[in-house]
């Protein structure tokens, strides 16, 4: 399955837009222009899309057969409406966005001009560097489109080496919540663990955590809640109590650059772990009592 060579315009030279633009260019598509506002996005465009002109949105739309809208979720619908209102979209163009949250409803104004609307969301975190290109190989991409246009979306995804996965319009919010909860909140959790280890003098806390975190992630991806280990899963109430005491002390002495929120996060995640631990009633009650927020009523 291959797509015809297209003139591709990139609106939003952020990490995703630059990476996908570079991947499409590598497959022979001509990048007609990129829209980049911040200094960081302009520098990224220069590195990832060398010799591609930086243009305004109207110029990109005028000269492109495929327009990639790689903008933040909340900007997508207003951008699509604004492009449609200008009358620049003559019909027959392809407009594809990279939002995980939105399907093609956000592109409805462009569809009314006769454009083809595609939603293509790679399940990947990007750096905005050349390291992103090999990560696209085999990466699942959530595809939403009218049935007649699904082959176009799928062909574009396959062409860059990724794996298209058809997703219903109504499922995209839950899909995106799952990915954001898993990936973005993992970053917060790891950052807290790194900070706590650094507080007690562990050099290179990220490297210290790497074997444990990698094994835990791999096992949880494979086995789900059955991979759960640790004091909550064993019913070790005394250990949980000691953890909370140490975390509260660390949070209370955290510097100005630290949110000091490790104990609150621990309580929330430990309660979620407790719900999956399968403990006996007495053990569960003991730990649940310890995990109550200070001052909270029974």
C-alpha atoms as a PDB file:
ATOM      1  CA  UNK A   1       0.000   0.000   0.000  1.00  0.00           C
ATOM      2  CA  UNK A   2       1.608   3.295  -1.066  1.00  0.00           C
ATOM      3  CA  UNK A   3       0.429   6.866  -1.363  1.00  0.00           C
ATOM      4  CA  UNK A   4       0.992   9.138  -4.390  1.00  0.00           C
ATOM      5  CA  UNK A   5       3.700  11.762  -3.967  1.00  0.00           C
ATOM      6  CA  UNK A   6       2.133  14.919  -2.579  1.00  0.00           C
ATOM      7  CA  UNK A   7       3.030  18.499  -1.844  1.00  0.00           C
ATOM      8  CA  UNK A   8       2.839  18.575   1.952  1.00  0.00           C
ATOM      9  CA  UNK A   9       2.479  21.696   4.090  1.00  0.00           C
ATOM     10  CA  UNK A  10       3.210  21.616   7.823  1.00  0.00           C
ATOM     11  CA  UNK A  11       1.235  23.955  10.077  1.00  0.00           C
ATOM     12  CA  UNK A  12       2.918  23.676  13.446  1.00  0.00           C
ATOM     13  CA  UNK A  13       6.606  22.770  13.382  1.00  0.00           C
ATOM     14  CA  UNK A  14       6.533  21.370  16.887  1.00  0.00           C
ATOM     15  CA  UNK A  15       8.012  18.013  17.790  1.00  0.00           C
ATOM     16  CA  UNK A  16       5.265  15.978  16.098  1.00  0.00           C
ATOM     17  CA  UNK A  17       4.910  18.135  13.003  1.00  0.00           C
ATOM     18  CA  UNK A  18       8.653  18.266  12.368  1.00  0.00           C
ATOM     19  CA  UNK A  19       9.054  14.513  12.828  1.00  0.00           C
ATOM     20  CA  UNK A  20       6.142  13.563  10.570  1.00  0.00           C
ATOM     21  CA  UNK A  21       7.195  16.122   7.979  1.00  0.00           C
ATOM     22  CA  UNK A  22      10.707  14.689   7.930  1.00  0.00           C
ATOM     23  CA  UNK A  23       9.337  11.149   7.649  1.00  0.00           C
ATOM     24  CA  UNK A  24       7.068  12.060   4.730  1.00  0.00           C
ATOM     25  CA  UNK A  25       9.910  13.916   3.043  1.00  0.00           C
ATOM     26  CA  UNK A  26      12.123  10.845   3.369  1.00  0.00           C
ATOM     27  CA  UNK A  27       9.483   8.908   1.414  1.00  0.00           C
ATOM     28  CA  UNK A  28       9.628  11.343  -1.497  1.00  0.00           C
ATOM     29  CA  UNK A  29       6.914  13.858  -0.657  1.00  0.00           C
ATOM     30  CA  UNK A  30       7.779  17.506  -1.246  1.00  0.00           C
ATOM     31  CA  UNK A  31       7.420  19.743   1.801  1.00  0.00           C
ATOM     32  CA  UNK A  32       5.965  22.968   0.420  1.00  0.00           C
ATOM     33  CA  UNK A  33       6.382  25.027   3.569  1.00  0.00           C
ATOM     34  CA  UNK A  34       6.187  25.068   7.323  1.00  0.00           C
ATOM     35  CA  UNK A  35       4.512  27.458   9.724  1.00  0.00           C
ATOM     36  CA  UNK A  36       6.604  28.052  12.828  1.00  0.00           C
ATOM     37  CA  UNK A  37       6.113  30.846  15.343  1.00  0.00           C
ATOM     38  CA  UNK A  38       8.458  30.345  18.284  1.00  0.00           C
ATOM     39  CA  UNK A  39      12.232  30.465  18.082  1.00  0.00           C
ATOM     40  CA  UNK A  40      12.336  26.819  19.184  1.00  0.00           C
ATOM     41  CA  UNK A  41      10.010  25.692  16.382  1.00  0.00           C
ATOM     42  CA  UNK A  42      11.938  27.710  13.795  1.00  0.00           C
ATOM     43  CA  UNK A  43      15.190  26.124  14.921  1.00  0.00           C
ATOM     44  CA  UNK A  44      13.557  22.693  14.877  1.00  0.00           C
ATOM     45  CA  UNK A  45      12.270  23.274  11.344  1.00  0.00           C
ATOM     46  CA  UNK A  46      15.752  24.277  10.213  1.00  0.00           C
ATOM     47  CA  UNK A  47      17.211  21.070  11.654  1.00  0.00           C
ATOM     48  CA  UNK A  48      14.494  18.578  10.730  1.00  0.00           C
ATOM     49  CA  UNK A  49      13.239  20.201   7.509  1.00  0.00           C
ATOM     50  CA  UNK A  50      16.290  21.935   6.018  1.00  0.00           C
ATOM     51  CA  UNK A  51      15.656  24.274   3.063  1.00  0.00           C
ATOM     52  CA  UNK A  52      11.893  24.196   3.643  1.00  0.00           C
ATOM     53  CA  UNK A  53      10.533  27.765   3.543  1.00  0.00           C
ATOM     54  CA  UNK A  54       8.824  29.169   6.618  1.00  0.00           C
ATOM     55  CA  UNK A  55       5.514  30.580   5.429  1.00  0.00           C
ATOM     56  CA  UNK A  56       2.241  31.956   6.743  1.00  0.00           C
ATOM     57  CA  UNK A  57      -0.750  29.636   6.979  1.00  0.00           C
ATOM     58  CA  UNK A  58      -2.495  31.000   3.893  1.00  0.00           C
ATOM     59  CA  UNK A  59       0.559  30.451   1.682  1.00  0.00           C
ATOM     60  CA  UNK A  60       0.941  26.883   2.941  1.00  0.00           C
ATOM     61  CA  UNK A  61      -2.704  26.061   2.247  1.00  0.00           C
ATOM     62  CA  UNK A  62      -2.542  27.551  -1.236  1.00  0.00           C
ATOM     63  CA  UNK A  63       0.439  25.488  -2.352  1.00  0.00           C
ATOM     64  CA  UNK A  64      -0.209  22.114  -0.643  1.00  0.00           C
ATOM     65  CA  UNK A  65      -2.156  19.010  -1.571  1.00  0.00           C
ATOM     66  CA  UNK A  66      -1.807  17.597   1.943  1.00  0.00           C
ATOM     67  CA  UNK A  67      -1.877  20.006   4.889  1.00  0.00           C
ATOM     68  CA  UNK A  68      -0.669  18.568   8.198  1.00  0.00           C
ATOM     69  CA  UNK A  69      -2.185  20.387  11.178  1.00  0.00           C
ATOM     70  CA  UNK A  70       0.182  19.651  14.068  1.00  0.00           C
ATOM     71  CA  UNK A  71      -1.085  22.112  16.652  1.00  0.00           C
ATOM     72  CA  UNK A  72      -2.242  21.813  20.294  1.00  0.00           C
ATOM     73  CA  UNK A  73      -5.659  20.218  20.798  1.00  0.00           C
ATOM     74  CA  UNK A  74      -7.463  23.405  21.799  1.00  0.00           C
ATOM     75  CA  UNK A  75      -6.180  25.272  18.732  1.00  0.00           C
ATOM     76  CA  UNK A  76      -7.260  22.701  16.182  1.00  0.00           C
ATOM     77  CA  UNK A  77     -10.958  23.509  15.692  1.00  0.00           C
ATOM     78  CA  UNK A  78     -10.439  27.325  15.551  1.00  0.00           C
ATOM     79  CA  UNK A  79      -7.583  26.828  13.061  1.00  0.00           C
ATOM     80  CA  UNK A  80      -9.716  24.610  10.811  1.00  0.00           C
ATOM     81  CA  UNK A  81     -12.620  27.064  10.972  1.00  0.00           C
ATOM     82  CA  UNK A  82     -10.314  29.967  10.178  1.00  0.00           C
ATOM     83  CA  UNK A  83      -8.794  28.254   7.134  1.00  0.00           C
ATOM     84  CA  UNK A  84     -12.243  27.351   5.831  1.00  0.00           C
ATOM     85  CA  UNK A  85     -13.496  30.907   6.353  1.00  0.00           C
ATOM     86  CA  UNK A  86     -10.709  32.377   4.203  1.00  0.00           C
ATOM     87  CA  UNK A  87     -11.893  30.473   1.144  1.00  0.00           C
ATOM     88  CA  UNK A  88      -8.345  29.304   0.453  1.00  0.00           C
ATOM     89  CA  UNK A  89      -9.211  25.597   0.549  1.00  0.00           C
ATOM     90  CA  UNK A  90     -10.480  24.903  -2.983  1.00  0.00           C
ATOM     91  CA  UNK A  91     -11.748  21.397  -2.266  1.00  0.00           C
ATOM     92  CA  UNK A  92     -10.031  18.113  -2.936  1.00  0.00           C
ATOM     93  CA  UNK A  93      -7.146  18.858  -0.579  1.00  0.00           C
ATOM     94  CA  UNK A  94      -6.315  16.532   2.278  1.00  0.00           C
ATOM     95  CA  UNK A  95      -6.217  17.999   5.775  1.00  0.00           C
ATOM     96  CA  UNK A  96      -4.750  15.677   8.404  1.00  0.00           C
ATOM     97  CA  UNK A  97      -4.299  16.541  12.050  1.00  0.00           C
ATOM     98  CA  UNK A  98      -2.182  14.837  14.718  1.00  0.00           C
ATOM     99  CA  UNK A  99      -4.355  15.365  17.808  1.00  0.00           C
ATOM    100  CA  UNK A 100      -5.050  12.310  19.906  1.00  0.00           C
ATOM    101  CA  UNK A 101      -8.192  13.804  21.413  1.00  0.00           C
ATOM    102  CA  UNK A 102      -9.987  14.868  18.267  1.00  0.00           C
ATOM    103  CA  UNK A 103     -11.366  12.898  15.387  1.00  0.00           C
ATOM    104  CA  UNK A 104     -12.529  14.480  12.161  1.00  0.00           C
ATOM    105  CA  UNK A 105     -15.442  16.462  13.621  1.00  0.00           C
ATOM    106  CA  UNK A 106     -13.027  19.281  14.407  1.00  0.00           C
ATOM    107  CA  UNK A 107     -12.275  19.517  10.677  1.00  0.00           C
ATOM    108  CA  UNK A 108     -15.955  19.742   9.661  1.00  0.00           C
ATOM    109  CA  UNK A 109     -15.644  23.312   8.283  1.00  0.00           C
ATOM    110  CA  UNK A 110     -12.920  22.104   5.931  1.00  0.00           C
ATOM    111  CA  UNK A 111     -14.956  19.071   4.894  1.00  0.00           C
ATOM    112  CA  UNK A 112     -17.742  21.445   3.889  1.00  0.00           C
ATOM    113  CA  UNK A 113     -15.348  23.050   1.408  1.00  0.00           C
ATOM    114  CA  UNK A 114     -14.816  19.639  -0.184  1.00  0.00           C
ATOM    115  CA  UNK A 115     -11.616  18.729   1.638  1.00  0.00           C
ATOM    116  CA  UNK A 116     -10.745  15.246   2.856  1.00  0.00           C
ATOM    117  CA  UNK A 117     -10.353  15.084   6.653  1.00  0.00           C
ATOM    118  CA  UNK A 118      -8.016  12.644   8.394  1.00  0.00           C
ATOM    119  CA  UNK A 119      -7.025  12.212  12.059  1.00  0.00           C
ATOM    120  CA  UNK A 120      -3.606  10.579  12.517  1.00  0.00           C
ATOM    121  CA  UNK A 121      -2.239  10.277  16.042  1.00  0.00           C
ATOM    122  CA  UNK A 122       1.050   8.440  16.637  1.00  0.00           C
ATOM    123  CA  UNK A 123       1.180   6.743  20.052  1.00  0.00           C
ATOM    124  CA  UNK A 124       4.668   8.080  20.673  1.00  0.00           C
ATOM    125  CA  UNK A 125       6.409  10.824  22.611  1.00  0.00           C
ATOM    126  CA  UNK A 126       8.646  12.909  20.371  1.00  0.00           C
ATOM    127  CA  UNK A 127      11.870  14.833  20.935  1.00  0.00           C
ATOM    128  CA  UNK A 128      11.816  16.961  17.810  1.00  0.00           C
ATOM    129  CA  UNK A 129      15.147  15.479  16.655  1.00  0.00           C
ATOM    130  CA  UNK A 130      16.301  12.916  14.105  1.00  0.00           C
ATOM    131  CA  UNK A 131      16.027  10.274  16.847  1.00  0.00           C
ATOM    132  CA  UNK A 132      12.249  10.352  16.300  1.00  0.00           C
ATOM    133  CA  UNK A 133      12.359   8.876  12.799  1.00  0.00           C
ATOM    134  CA  UNK A 134      13.328   5.293  13.698  1.00  0.00           C
ATOM    135  CA  UNK A 135      10.789   5.404  16.538  1.00  0.00           C
ATOM    136  CA  UNK A 136       8.030   5.764  13.975  1.00  0.00           C
ATOM    137  CA  UNK A 137       8.820   2.334  12.543  1.00  0.00           C
ATOM    138  CA  UNK A 138       6.152  -0.007  13.903  1.00  0.00           C
ATOM    139  CA  UNK A 139       4.572   2.785  15.972  1.00  0.00           C
ATOM    140  CA  UNK A 140       0.769   2.454  16.210  1.00  0.00           C
ATOM    141  CA  UNK A 141      -1.106   5.418  14.755  1.00  0.00           C
ATOM    142  CA  UNK A 142      -4.777   5.961  15.612  1.00  0.00           C
ATOM    143  CA  UNK A 143      -6.602   6.684  12.362  1.00  0.00           C
ATOM    144  CA  UNK A 144     -10.063   8.226  12.082  1.00  0.00           C
ATOM    145  CA  UNK A 145     -11.598   9.099   8.706  1.00  0.00           C
ATOM    146  CA  UNK A 146     -14.693   8.674   6.594  1.00  0.00           C
ATOM    147  CA  UNK A 147     -14.844   5.089   5.390  1.00  0.00           C
ATOM    148  CA  UNK A 148     -14.156   6.125   1.801  1.00  0.00           C
ATOM    149  CA  UNK A 149     -10.961   7.900   2.847  1.00  0.00           C
ATOM    150  CA  UNK A 150      -9.574   5.354   5.314  1.00  0.00           C
ATOM    151  CA  UNK A 151      -7.301   3.836   2.621  1.00  0.00           C
ATOM    152  CA  UNK A 152      -5.631   7.238   2.154  1.00  0.00           C
ATOM    153  CA  UNK A 153      -4.978   7.600   5.868  1.00  0.00           C
ATOM    154  CA  UNK A 154      -3.739   4.027   6.163  1.00  0.00           C
ATOM    155  CA  UNK A 155      -1.433   4.396   3.157  1.00  0.00           C
ATOM    156  CA  UNK A 156       0.197   7.528   4.587  1.00  0.00           C
ATOM    157  CA  UNK A 157       0.802   5.778   7.911  1.00  0.00           C
ATOM    158  CA  UNK A 158       2.188   2.608   6.346  1.00  0.00           C
ATOM    159  CA  UNK A 159       4.426   4.652   4.083  1.00  0.00           C
ATOM    160  CA  UNK A 160       6.364   6.110   7.029  1.00  0.00           C
ATOM    161  CA  UNK A 161       6.753   2.628   8.519  1.00  0.00           C
ATOM    162  CA  UNK A 162       4.080   2.983  11.190  1.00  0.00           C
ATOM    163  CA  UNK A 163       1.062   0.766  11.938  1.00  0.00           C
ATOM    164  CA  UNK A 164      -2.448   2.205  11.307  1.00  0.00           C
ATOM    165  CA  UNK A 165      -5.143   1.354  13.853  1.00  0.00           C
ATOM    166  CA  UNK A 166      -8.669   2.432  12.968  1.00  0.00           C
ATOM    167  CA  UNK A 167     -10.360   4.273  15.844  1.00  0.00           C
ATOM    168  CA  UNK A 168     -13.992   5.390  16.063  1.00  0.00           C
ATOM    169  CA  UNK A 169     -14.657   9.102  16.476  1.00  0.00           C
ATOM    170  CA  UNK A 170     -16.451   8.571  19.773  1.00  0.00           C
ATOM    171  CA  UNK A 171     -13.592   6.575  21.280  1.00  0.00           C
ATOM    172  CA  UNK A 172     -10.852   9.151  20.839  1.00  0.00           C
ATOM    173  CA  UNK A 173     -11.303  10.995  24.150  1.00  0.00           C
ATOM    174  CA  UNK A 174     -10.957   7.786  26.185  1.00  0.00           C
ATOM    175  CA  UNK A 175      -8.114   6.629  23.944  1.00  0.00           C
ATOM    176  CA  UNK A 176      -6.229   9.863  24.496  1.00  0.00           C
ATOM    177  CA  UNK A 177      -6.926   9.830  28.244  1.00  0.00           C
ATOM    178  CA  UNK A 178      -5.422   6.337  28.464  1.00  0.00           C
ATOM    179  CA  UNK A 179      -2.257   7.356  26.635  1.00  0.00           C
ATOM    180  CA  UNK A 180      -1.856  10.632  28.524  1.00  0.00           C
ATOM    181  CA  UNK A 181      -2.472   8.997  31.900  1.00  0.00           C
ATOM    182  CA  UNK A 182       0.021   6.248  31.171  1.00  0.00           C
ATOM    183  CA  UNK A 183       2.806   8.284  29.593  1.00  0.00           C
ATOM    184  CA  UNK A 184       2.532  11.812  31.000  1.00  0.00           C
ATOM    185  CA  UNK A 185       1.859  10.763  34.566  1.00  0.00           C
ATOM    186  CA  UNK A 186       4.650   8.214  34.365  1.00  0.00           C
ATOM    187  CA  UNK A 187       6.994  11.156  33.792  1.00  0.00           C
ATOM    188  CA  UNK A 188       5.721  12.791  36.991  1.00  0.00           C
ATOM    189  CA  UNK A 189       6.140   9.582  38.978  1.00  0.00           C
ATOM    190  CA  UNK A 190       9.694   9.023  37.743  1.00  0.00           C
ATOM    191  CA  UNK A 191      10.599  12.654  38.391  1.00  0.00           C
ATOM    192  CA  UNK A 192       9.433  12.329  42.001  1.00  0.00           C
ATOM    193  CA  UNK A 193      11.441   9.133  42.504  1.00  0.00           C
ATOM    194  CA  UNK A 194      14.543  10.741  40.975  1.00  0.00           C
ATOM    195  CA  UNK A 195      14.218  13.762  43.221  1.00  0.00           C
ATOM    196  CA  UNK A 196      13.805  11.687  46.378  1.00  0.00           C
ATOM    197  CA  UNK A 197      16.882   9.591  45.608  1.00  0.00           C
ATOM    198  CA  UNK A 198      18.898  12.709  44.835  1.00  0.00           C
ATOM    199  CA  UNK A 199      17.893  14.109  48.239  1.00  0.00           C
ATOM    200  CA  UNK A 200      19.713  11.246  49.966  1.00  0.00           C
ATOM    201  CA  UNK A 201      22.816  11.543  47.826  1.00  0.00           C
ATOM    202  CA  UNK A 202      22.256   8.923  45.142  1.00  0.00           C
ATOM    203  CA  UNK A 203      24.368   9.899  42.133  1.00  0.00           C
ATOM    204  CA  UNK A 204      22.618   9.692  38.765  1.00  0.00           C
ATOM    205  CA  UNK A 205      19.245   8.720  40.221  1.00  0.00           C
ATOM    206  CA  UNK A 206      17.803   8.086  36.773  1.00  0.00           C
ATOM    207  CA  UNK A 207      20.397   5.418  36.074  1.00  0.00           C
ATOM    208  CA  UNK A 208      19.856   3.913  39.538  1.00  0.00           C
ATOM    209  CA  UNK A 209      16.129   3.607  38.784  1.00  0.00           C
ATOM    210  CA  UNK A 210      16.493   2.376  35.205  1.00  0.00           C
ATOM    211  CA  UNK A 211      16.719  -1.415  35.795  1.00  0.00           C
ATOM    212  CA  UNK A 212      13.835  -1.434  38.264  1.00  0.00           C
ATOM    213  CA  UNK A 213      11.596   0.911  36.276  1.00  0.00           C
ATOM    214  CA  UNK A 214      12.289  -0.897  33.008  1.00  0.00           C
ATOM    215  CA  UNK A 215      11.458  -4.284  34.505  1.00  0.00           C
ATOM    216  CA  UNK A 216       8.302  -2.947  36.186  1.00  0.00           C
ATOM    217  CA  UNK A 217       7.114  -1.317  32.965  1.00  0.00           C
ATOM    218  CA  UNK A 218       7.791  -4.378  30.838  1.00  0.00           C
ATOM    219  CA  UNK A 219       6.052  -6.698  33.284  1.00  0.00           C
ATOM    220  CA  UNK A 220       3.021  -4.427  33.680  1.00  0.00           C
ATOM    221  CA  UNK A 221       2.663  -4.104  29.903  1.00  0.00           C
ATOM    222  CA  UNK A 222       2.722  -7.891  29.665  1.00  0.00           C
ATOM    223  CA  UNK A 223       0.751  -8.912  32.744  1.00  0.00           C
ATOM    224  CA  UNK A 224      -1.257  -5.885  33.851  1.00  0.00           C
ATOM    225  CA  UNK A 225      -2.145  -5.794  37.556  1.00  0.00           C
ATOM    226  CA  UNK A 226      -0.671  -9.277  38.019  1.00  0.00           C
ATOM    227  CA  UNK A 227       2.758  -7.639  37.867  1.00  0.00           C
ATOM    228  CA  UNK A 228       2.040  -5.637  41.045  1.00  0.00           C
ATOM    229  CA  UNK A 229       4.617  -6.093  43.805  1.00  0.00           C
ATOM    230  CA  UNK A 230       5.631  -4.122  46.892  1.00  0.00           C
ATOM    231  CA  UNK A 231       4.262  -3.459  50.377  1.00  0.00           C
ATOM    232  CA  UNK A 232       0.667  -2.734  49.388  1.00  0.00           C
ATOM    233  CA  UNK A 233       0.397  -5.985  47.422  1.00  0.00           C
ATOM    234  CA  UNK A 234       1.867  -7.890  50.394  1.00  0.00           C
ATOM    235  CA  UNK A 235      -0.303  -6.195  53.009  1.00  0.00           C
ATOM    236  CA  UNK A 236       2.730  -4.676  54.798  1.00  0.00           C
ATOM    237  CA  UNK A 237       0.886  -1.877  56.589  1.00  0.00           C
ATOM    238  CA  UNK A 238       3.888  -0.922  58.720  1.00  0.00           C
ATOM    239  CA  UNK A 239       6.035  -0.372  55.636  1.00  0.00           C
ATOM    240  CA  UNK A 240       3.390   1.795  53.991  1.00  0.00           C
ATOM    241  CA  UNK A 241       3.160   3.866  57.184  1.00  0.00           C
ATOM    242  CA  UNK A 242       6.947   4.305  57.251  1.00  0.00           C
ATOM    243  CA  UNK A 243       6.956   5.364  53.608  1.00  0.00           C
ATOM    244  CA  UNK A 244       4.330   8.038  54.210  1.00  0.00           C
ATOM    245  CA  UNK A 245       6.193   9.381  57.208  1.00  0.00           C
ATOM    246  CA  UNK A 246       9.440   9.664  55.226  1.00  0.00           C
ATOM    247  CA  UNK A 247       7.703  11.244  52.254  1.00  0.00           C
ATOM    248  CA  UNK A 248       5.881  13.782  54.424  1.00  0.00           C
ATOM    249  CA  UNK A 249       9.198  14.814  55.960  1.00  0.00           C
ATOM    250  CA  UNK A 250      10.830  15.094  52.528  1.00  0.00           C
ATOM    251  CA  UNK A 251       7.938  17.147  51.154  1.00  0.00           C
ATOM    252  CA  UNK A 252       8.061  19.446  54.179  1.00  0.00           C
ATOM    253  CA  UNK A 253      11.716  20.265  53.592  1.00  0.00           C
ATOM    254  CA  UNK A 254      11.562  20.424  49.789  1.00  0.00           C
ATOM    255  CA  UNK A 255      13.139  23.467  48.184  1.00  0.00           C
ATOM    256  CA  UNK A 256      11.380  26.152  46.192  1.00  0.00           C
ATOM    257  CA  UNK A 257      11.908  24.290  42.921  1.00  0.00           C
ATOM    258  CA  UNK A 258      10.129  21.147  44.150  1.00  0.00           C
ATOM    259  CA  UNK A 259       6.321  20.833  44.285  1.00  0.00           C
ATOM    260  CA  UNK A 260       6.641  18.782  47.487  1.00  0.00           C
ATOM    261  CA  UNK A 261       3.791  16.512  46.441  1.00  0.00           C
ATOM    262  CA  UNK A 262       5.268  13.024  46.711  1.00  0.00           C
ATOM    263  CA  UNK A 263       3.213  11.941  49.722  1.00  0.00           C
ATOM    264  CA  UNK A 264      -0.060  12.964  48.079  1.00  0.00           C
ATOM    265  CA  UNK A 265       0.877  11.095  44.914  1.00  0.00           C
ATOM    266  CA  UNK A 266       1.941   8.029  46.898  1.00  0.00           C
ATOM    267  CA  UNK A 267      -1.411   7.951  48.746  1.00  0.00           C
ATOM    268  CA  UNK A 268      -3.413   8.202  45.519  1.00  0.00           C
ATOM    269  CA  UNK A 269      -1.439   5.515  43.699  1.00  0.00           C
ATOM    270  CA  UNK A 270      -1.275   3.242  46.744  1.00  0.00           C
ATOM    271  CA  UNK A 271      -5.086   3.365  47.001  1.00  0.00           C
ATOM    272  CA  UNK A 272      -5.282   2.365  43.330  1.00  0.00           C
ATOM    273  CA  UNK A 273      -2.779  -0.443  43.997  1.00  0.00           C
ATOM    274  CA  UNK A 274      -4.819  -1.570  47.001  1.00  0.00           C
ATOM    275  CA  UNK A 275      -7.900  -1.916  44.798  1.00  0.00           C
ATOM    276  CA  UNK A 276      -5.928  -4.335  42.606  1.00  0.00           C
ATOM    277  CA  UNK A 277      -4.000  -6.214  45.301  1.00  0.00           C
ATOM    278  CA  UNK A 278      -6.621  -8.817  46.233  1.00  0.00           C
ATOM    279  CA  UNK A 279      -5.844  -8.672  49.967  1.00  0.00           C
ATOM    280  CA  UNK A 280      -8.001 -10.107  52.708  1.00  0.00           C
ATOM    281  CA  UNK A 281     -10.530  -7.792  54.327  1.00  0.00           C
ATOM    282  CA  UNK A 282      -8.521  -7.157  57.507  1.00  0.00           C
ATOM    283  CA  UNK A 283      -5.272  -6.396  55.662  1.00  0.00           C
ATOM    284  CA  UNK A 284      -7.070  -4.112  53.237  1.00  0.00           C
ATOM    285  CA  UNK A 285      -8.769  -2.163  56.057  1.00  0.00           C
ATOM    286  CA  UNK A 286      -5.448  -1.666  57.858  1.00  0.00           C
ATOM    287  CA  UNK A 287      -3.759  -0.213  54.806  1.00  0.00           C
ATOM    288  CA  UNK A 288      -6.784   1.843  53.786  1.00  0.00           C
ATOM    289  CA  UNK A 289      -6.768   3.449  57.240  1.00  0.00           C
ATOM    290  CA  UNK A 290      -3.095   4.381  56.864  1.00  0.00           C
ATOM    291  CA  UNK A 291      -3.727   5.827  53.406  1.00  0.00           C
ATOM    292  CA  UNK A 292      -6.477   8.177  54.555  1.00  0.00           C
ATOM    293  CA  UNK A 293      -5.610  11.804  53.953  1.00  0.00           C
ATOM    294  CA  UNK A 294      -4.647  13.591  57.178  1.00  0.00           C
ATOM    295  CA  UNK A 295      -7.766  15.092  58.721  1.00  0.00           C
ATOM    296  CA  UNK A 296     -10.126  13.106  56.495  1.00  0.00           C
ATOM    297  CA  UNK A 297     -13.137  11.535  58.157  1.00  0.00           C
ATOM    298  CA  UNK A 298     -13.821   7.803  57.914  1.00  0.00           C
END
